[in-house]
Protein backbone atom coordinates (compact mmCIF):
# COMPACT_ATOMS: atom_id res chain seq x y z
CA MET A 1 3.86 75.64 -70.41
CA LYS A 2 6.72 76.69 -72.89
CA LYS A 3 5.46 73.88 -75.42
CA VAL A 4 1.99 75.67 -75.17
CA GLN A 5 3.41 79.31 -75.94
CA PHE A 6 5.23 77.97 -78.90
CA LEU A 7 2.36 76.39 -80.43
CA ASN A 8 0.33 79.27 -79.94
CA ARG A 9 2.81 81.54 -82.14
CA PHE A 10 3.23 78.76 -84.77
CA PRO A 11 0.63 79.87 -87.29
CA SER A 12 2.04 83.44 -87.84
CA PHE A 13 5.43 82.03 -88.11
CA ALA A 14 4.39 79.46 -90.73
CA VAL A 15 2.71 82.14 -92.85
CA THR A 16 5.69 84.28 -92.66
CA MET A 17 7.79 81.39 -93.89
CA ILE A 18 5.43 80.65 -96.60
CA VAL A 19 5.40 84.40 -98.13
CA LEU A 20 9.17 84.16 -97.63
CA VAL A 21 9.18 81.21 -99.66
CA ILE A 22 7.02 82.71 -102.30
CA PHE A 23 9.25 85.63 -102.84
CA LEU A 24 12.19 83.29 -103.01
CA MET A 25 10.55 81.36 -105.58
CA GLN A 26 9.21 84.02 -107.93
CA GLY A 27 11.09 82.42 -110.71
CA CYS A 28 9.17 79.29 -110.38
CA LYS A 29 6.14 78.51 -112.53
CA THR A 30 2.59 79.67 -111.44
CA ASP A 31 1.35 76.42 -111.54
CA GLU A 32 3.98 74.95 -109.49
CA LEU A 33 3.58 77.62 -107.00
CA LYS A 34 -0.15 77.43 -106.79
CA GLU A 35 0.26 73.66 -106.35
CA GLN A 36 2.91 74.17 -103.70
CA VAL A 37 0.54 76.93 -102.03
CA LEU A 38 -2.26 74.18 -102.02
CA ILE A 39 0.00 71.66 -100.53
CA MET A 40 1.06 74.19 -97.89
CA GLY A 41 -2.49 74.97 -97.22
CA GLN A 42 -3.37 71.63 -96.69
CA ARG A 43 -0.33 70.94 -94.43
CA GLN A 44 -1.21 74.18 -92.50
CA ALA A 45 -5.01 72.75 -91.98
CA LEU A 46 -3.34 69.46 -91.22
CA MET A 47 -0.91 71.20 -88.92
CA ALA A 48 -3.91 73.05 -87.21
CA GLY A 49 -5.78 69.83 -86.68
CA GLU A 50 -2.65 68.36 -85.07
CA LYS A 51 -2.26 71.52 -83.09
CA ASP A 52 -5.89 71.24 -81.68
CA SER A 53 -5.18 67.62 -80.91
CA LEU A 54 -1.88 68.29 -79.21
CA LEU A 55 -3.76 71.24 -77.32
CA ARG A 56 -6.62 68.77 -76.10
CA LEU A 57 -3.87 66.22 -75.23
CA LEU A 58 -1.99 68.98 -73.56
CA GLU A 59 -5.14 69.92 -71.55
CA THR A 60 -5.73 66.25 -70.67
CA LYS A 61 -2.05 65.81 -69.72
CA ARG A 62 -2.30 69.05 -67.64
CA VAL A 63 -5.32 67.94 -65.84
CA GLU A 64 -3.49 64.72 -65.26
CA PHE A 65 -0.81 66.48 -64.07
CA ASP A 66 -2.69 68.69 -61.67
CA THR A 67 -4.40 65.44 -60.48
CA LEU A 68 -1.04 63.69 -60.04
CA ALA A 69 0.16 66.96 -58.41
CA ALA A 70 -2.57 66.90 -55.95
CA GLY A 71 -2.25 63.19 -55.39
CA PHE A 72 1.56 63.79 -54.92
CA ASN A 73 0.76 66.59 -52.25
CA ASP A 74 -1.49 64.21 -50.73
CA LEU A 75 1.09 61.44 -50.83
CA SER A 76 3.60 64.11 -49.37
CA GLU A 77 1.36 64.57 -46.47
CA GLU A 78 0.57 60.81 -46.05
CA ASN A 79 4.60 60.41 -46.58
CA LYS A 80 5.22 62.81 -43.78
CA ALA A 81 2.71 61.13 -41.63
CA LEU A 82 4.20 57.54 -42.48
CA LEU A 83 7.68 59.26 -41.81
CA THR A 84 6.55 60.17 -38.46
CA ARG A 85 5.12 56.90 -37.75
CA VAL A 86 8.18 55.30 -39.14
CA LYS A 87 10.25 57.45 -36.72
CA SER A 88 7.97 56.21 -33.94
CA LEU A 89 8.43 52.78 -35.05
CA GLN A 90 11.89 52.98 -35.39
CA ALA A 91 12.16 54.39 -31.73
CA GLY A 92 9.82 51.52 -30.72
CA TYR A 93 12.03 49.17 -32.97
CA ASN A 94 15.13 50.53 -31.07
CA SER A 95 13.48 50.11 -27.53
CA ARG A 96 12.27 46.80 -28.69
CA GLY A 97 15.82 46.10 -29.90
CA VAL A 98 17.15 47.06 -26.47
CA GLU A 99 14.54 44.80 -24.73
CA LEU A 100 15.24 42.09 -27.38
CA LYS A 101 18.92 42.36 -26.49
CA LYS A 102 17.89 42.30 -22.73
CA ALA A 103 15.71 39.35 -23.28
CA ALA A 104 18.40 37.53 -25.44
CA ALA A 105 20.90 38.11 -22.50
CA GLU A 106 18.29 36.63 -20.17
CA LYS A 107 17.66 34.04 -22.56
CA THR A 108 21.39 33.17 -22.63
CA GLU A 109 21.33 33.29 -18.69
CA MET A 110 18.35 31.02 -18.66
CA THR A 111 19.99 28.74 -21.33
CA ASN A 112 22.94 28.52 -18.96
CA LEU A 113 20.93 27.89 -16.08
CA ILE A 114 18.86 25.32 -17.87
CA THR A 115 22.17 23.66 -18.84
CA VAL A 116 23.37 23.57 -15.29
CA GLN A 117 20.04 22.35 -14.30
CA ASN A 118 20.03 19.73 -16.97
CA ASN A 119 23.38 18.48 -15.63
CA LYS A 120 21.97 18.62 -12.15
CA ASN A 121 18.87 16.72 -13.43
CA ASP A 122 21.22 14.19 -15.21
CA SER A 123 22.85 13.89 -11.85
CA LEU A 124 19.76 13.41 -10.04
CA GLN A 125 18.49 11.00 -12.73
CA ASN A 126 21.55 8.83 -12.09
CA ILE A 127 20.82 8.99 -8.37
CA ILE A 128 17.25 8.36 -8.98
CA VAL A 129 18.06 5.36 -11.08
CA LYS A 130 20.44 3.98 -8.30
CA LEU A 131 17.90 4.64 -5.74
CA ASP A 132 15.20 2.80 -7.96
CA ASN A 133 17.75 -0.06 -8.16
CA LYS A 134 18.10 0.07 -4.39
CA ILE A 135 14.52 0.19 -3.83
CA ALA A 136 14.29 -2.95 -6.11
CA GLU A 137 16.67 -4.82 -3.99
CA LEU A 138 15.00 -3.59 -0.88
CA ASP A 139 11.47 -4.66 -2.23
CA SER A 140 13.13 -8.11 -3.04
CA GLU A 141 14.65 -8.25 0.54
CA LEU A 142 11.28 -7.07 1.94
CA ALA A 143 9.28 -9.66 0.07
CA VAL A 144 11.80 -12.37 1.41
CA THR A 145 11.36 -10.60 4.94
CA LYS A 146 7.55 -10.65 4.63
CA GLU A 147 7.77 -14.42 3.68
CA ASP A 148 9.91 -15.16 6.70
CA ARG A 149 7.75 -12.58 8.84
CA SER A 150 4.74 -14.54 7.55
CA GLY A 151 6.34 -17.81 8.80
CA LEU A 152 7.58 -16.40 11.85
CA ILE A 153 4.01 -14.72 12.61
CA ALA A 154 2.28 -18.04 11.91
CA GLU A 155 4.87 -19.82 14.10
CA VAL A 156 4.37 -17.02 16.84
CA GLN A 157 0.62 -17.34 16.57
CA GLN A 158 1.00 -21.03 16.85
CA LYS A 159 3.18 -20.73 19.96
CA GLN A 160 0.93 -17.85 21.33
CA SER A 161 -2.02 -20.47 20.84
CA ARG A 162 -0.28 -23.12 22.33
CA ILE A 163 0.87 -20.81 25.28
CA THR A 164 -2.72 -19.68 25.47
CA ALA A 165 -3.84 -23.22 25.81
CA ASP A 166 -1.33 -23.96 28.18
CA SER A 167 -2.10 -20.97 30.27
CA LEU A 168 -5.80 -21.85 29.96
CA ALA A 169 -5.16 -25.55 31.04
CA GLU A 170 -2.80 -24.23 33.96
CA VAL A 171 -5.37 -21.87 35.21
CA ALA A 172 -7.94 -24.61 34.99
CA ARG A 173 -5.57 -26.77 36.80
CA LEU A 174 -4.92 -24.19 39.37
CA ASN A 175 -8.52 -23.32 39.83
CA LYS A 176 -9.64 -26.99 39.88
CA PRO A 177 -9.65 -28.48 43.21
CA VAL A 178 -6.59 -30.42 44.03
CA ILE A 179 -7.71 -34.19 43.92
CA LYS A 180 -5.06 -36.51 45.65
CA ASP A 181 -5.45 -39.89 45.41
CA TYR A 182 -2.95 -41.21 47.79
CA GLY A 183 -1.98 -40.22 51.30
CA TYR A 184 -2.23 -40.72 54.97
CA ILE A 185 -5.58 -40.89 56.41
CA ASN A 186 -7.11 -41.22 59.76
CA ILE A 187 -10.39 -43.24 60.74
CA THR A 188 -12.03 -43.11 63.98
CA GLU A 189 -14.71 -45.61 64.55
CA ILE A 190 -17.51 -46.50 67.26
CA GLY A 191 -19.28 -49.46 67.28
CA GLY A 192 -20.95 -52.18 68.98
CA GLY A 193 -22.10 -56.01 68.51
CA PHE A 194 -23.95 -58.76 69.83
CA GLY A 195 -22.94 -62.43 70.40
CA LEU A 196 -23.94 -65.42 68.37
CA GLY A 197 -24.12 -68.91 69.55
CA GLU A 198 -23.31 -69.43 73.16
CA THR A 199 -23.70 -66.09 74.78
CA ASN A 200 -24.03 -66.98 78.65
CA VAL A 201 -20.23 -67.09 79.22
CA ASP A 202 -17.65 -64.26 79.39
CA TYR A 203 -16.53 -62.40 76.05
CA SER A 204 -19.58 -63.66 74.00
CA THR A 205 -22.76 -61.60 74.88
CA ARG A 206 -21.96 -58.09 74.00
CA LEU A 207 -19.31 -55.74 72.55
CA ILE A 208 -18.62 -52.04 72.46
CA SER A 209 -15.66 -50.85 70.58
CA PHE A 210 -13.82 -47.69 70.02
CA ASN A 211 -11.00 -48.09 67.12
CA ASN A 212 -8.79 -45.60 65.55
CA ILE A 213 -6.86 -46.63 62.12
CA PHE A 214 -3.78 -45.00 60.90
CA GLY A 215 -4.34 -45.72 57.27
CA TYR A 216 -2.36 -44.97 54.11
CA LYS A 217 -4.65 -44.28 50.69
CA ILE A 218 -2.90 -46.25 48.04
CA ASN A 219 -5.40 -44.80 45.33
CA LYS A 220 -9.06 -44.05 45.14
CA GLN A 221 -9.97 -47.76 45.63
CA PHE A 222 -7.50 -48.96 48.12
CA LEU A 223 -6.56 -48.34 51.51
CA ALA A 224 -4.49 -50.06 54.12
CA GLY A 225 -3.55 -49.17 57.93
CA LEU A 226 -2.82 -50.02 61.30
CA GLY A 227 -5.71 -50.00 63.91
CA VAL A 228 -5.49 -49.73 67.56
CA GLY A 229 -8.47 -49.41 69.87
CA LEU A 230 -10.37 -50.59 73.16
CA HIS A 231 -12.98 -53.29 73.19
CA SER A 232 -15.33 -53.68 75.96
CA TYR A 233 -17.03 -57.23 76.45
CA ASN A 234 -19.03 -58.79 79.18
CA GLY A 235 -16.21 -60.27 81.23
CA GLY A 236 -13.44 -57.84 80.44
CA THR A 237 -11.52 -55.33 78.27
CA LEU A 238 -9.08 -56.02 75.44
CA LEU A 239 -7.04 -54.01 73.28
CA PRO A 240 -7.07 -54.70 69.47
CA LEU A 241 -4.08 -54.30 67.41
CA TYR A 242 -4.71 -55.17 63.68
CA ILE A 243 -4.32 -54.44 60.13
CA ASP A 244 -7.12 -52.62 58.38
CA MET A 245 -7.72 -52.96 54.57
CA ARG A 246 -10.47 -51.65 52.61
CA TYR A 247 -11.58 -51.78 49.00
CA PHE A 248 -13.91 -49.34 47.30
CA PHE A 249 -15.94 -50.60 44.51
CA LYS A 250 -16.12 -47.00 42.89
CA LYS A 251 -13.22 -45.08 41.82
CA THR A 252 -14.45 -42.15 43.53
CA GLY A 253 -13.26 -43.62 47.06
CA GLN A 254 -17.08 -43.53 47.95
CA GLY A 255 -19.91 -45.72 47.89
CA LEU A 256 -19.97 -49.44 48.80
CA PHE A 257 -16.58 -50.87 50.19
CA LEU A 258 -15.33 -53.91 51.79
CA VAL A 259 -13.41 -54.31 54.88
CA ALA A 260 -10.83 -56.92 56.03
CA ASP A 261 -9.51 -56.45 59.55
CA GLY A 262 -7.36 -58.99 61.33
CA GLY A 263 -4.80 -58.96 64.19
CA TYR A 264 -4.50 -59.31 67.85
CA LEU A 265 -6.58 -58.87 70.88
CA LEU A 266 -4.20 -58.01 73.59
CA ASN A 267 -5.40 -58.80 77.31
CA PRO A 268 -3.79 -56.18 79.46
CA SER A 269 -4.59 -58.28 82.56
CA ASP A 270 -2.59 -61.29 81.01
CA PHE A 271 -0.77 -60.97 77.78
CA GLY A 272 -0.31 -64.62 77.61
CA THR A 273 -4.06 -65.06 76.98
CA SER A 274 -3.97 -62.76 74.03
CA HIS A 275 -5.43 -64.37 70.83
CA VAL A 276 -6.16 -63.32 67.09
CA PHE A 277 -9.25 -62.09 65.61
CA VAL A 278 -10.72 -61.21 62.10
CA ASN A 279 -13.52 -58.90 61.38
CA PRO A 280 -14.49 -58.91 57.65
CA ALA A 281 -17.25 -56.39 56.92
CA ILE A 282 -19.09 -54.50 54.20
CA GLY A 283 -20.12 -50.82 54.49
CA MET A 284 -20.96 -47.55 52.70
CA ALA A 285 -19.06 -44.26 52.52
CA LYS A 286 -20.18 -40.80 51.96
CA LYS A 287 -18.15 -37.58 51.58
CA ILE A 288 -18.79 -34.71 53.83
CA SER A 289 -15.81 -32.60 52.67
CA PRO A 290 -12.91 -33.10 50.43
CA HIS A 291 -11.11 -33.92 53.38
CA MET A 292 -13.79 -35.80 55.66
CA GLN A 293 -15.74 -38.69 55.04
CA PHE A 294 -18.62 -40.59 57.02
CA SER A 295 -18.65 -44.42 56.80
CA MET A 296 -20.96 -47.11 58.08
CA ASN A 297 -20.18 -50.91 58.11
CA ALA A 298 -21.66 -54.24 59.37
CA GLY A 299 -19.41 -57.41 59.58
CA VAL A 300 -18.75 -60.49 61.49
CA LEU A 301 -16.14 -60.39 64.19
CA THR A 302 -14.64 -63.86 65.18
CA MET A 303 -12.06 -64.11 68.03
CA GLN A 304 -10.41 -66.45 70.45
CA ALA A 305 -11.50 -65.26 73.94
CA PRO A 306 -9.02 -65.11 76.80
CA THR A 307 -11.10 -67.95 78.25
CA GLY A 308 -10.24 -70.17 75.45
CA ILE A 309 -13.59 -70.17 73.89
CA ARG A 310 -14.45 -69.01 70.28
CA SER A 311 -16.77 -66.00 70.08
CA THR A 312 -18.69 -64.64 67.16
CA PHE A 313 -20.22 -61.18 67.01
CA ILE A 314 -22.32 -59.22 64.68
CA THR A 315 -20.68 -55.72 64.60
CA ILE A 316 -22.00 -52.33 63.34
CA LYS A 317 -19.67 -49.61 63.32
CA GLY A 318 -19.75 -45.95 62.59
CA GLY A 319 -16.68 -43.74 61.56
CA VAL A 320 -15.32 -40.50 60.32
CA SER A 321 -12.44 -40.36 58.01
CA PHE A 322 -10.07 -37.20 58.29
CA THR A 323 -7.30 -36.40 56.03
CA GLY A 324 -4.84 -33.47 56.20
CA LYS A 325 -4.71 -30.30 54.30
CA ASN A 326 -2.10 -31.77 52.00
CA GLY A 327 -3.70 -35.43 52.17
CA PRO A 328 -5.79 -37.09 49.71
CA THR A 329 -9.21 -35.96 48.94
CA PHE A 330 -12.54 -37.71 48.91
């Protein structure tokens, strides 16, 4: 503003200076003075143009200054707002710093805990490795054990199968009727006969007999025993004492069989007149129960009678065979 006031007073000051120079230079020549005055006028005009230019420039700068001042004021207001915001941010930063310090402390603590946990994890990892190795060893042992177990299971199954088969066989054996091929047997027979040849003398016409044989069954096909009985003839009674032998054609101990009897006919009235006899026969046997059998046989009895004659009879006998509870079965 001071520069503007100076420039406003500059023309009057310049005129005064010019007049003073003219008076001072009165001794100079008129032409030179005129020339100098002309130059001074030109300079004055030039300076007036420069003044106007400067005034316009100053006005422009003033406007720019006012604009800058307004902008500065606006910036000052924004600066104040920014300062307020900076203070708020600083407070938040300080608070965040406290939180960061706290977080850093927690981080340090967590790092320490992680370090400790890592150490524990390393220890656990070592333990896990050892356990894995142990598990591998146990797996190997288990594989071997499984193989042994498979062998044992197969062996046990085989034994169980054998035991089962033996048990079933034993049960079948126990449930199967006991068939005994040998043992004592008793045969009771009743029969009769008629004489052949000369029949008009004693001990030659007819015969009624009752016999009991105490036998022993050697197997299903052979039987041997001792027989006793009572024979009633025309002319007297004799007591037979003989050996009885039988052969069965079938191994079942039934069906067709042969008989070979032979022994003494004792005369109770006079033992001195006792003589031998033979009685071969053929017969048929039929099982009634496991321990009872019925039989029929027909044969020829040849004997020396007490009278001294030889007599022959066709005999027919029917008998029943008995065995004890523990005896042989039919």
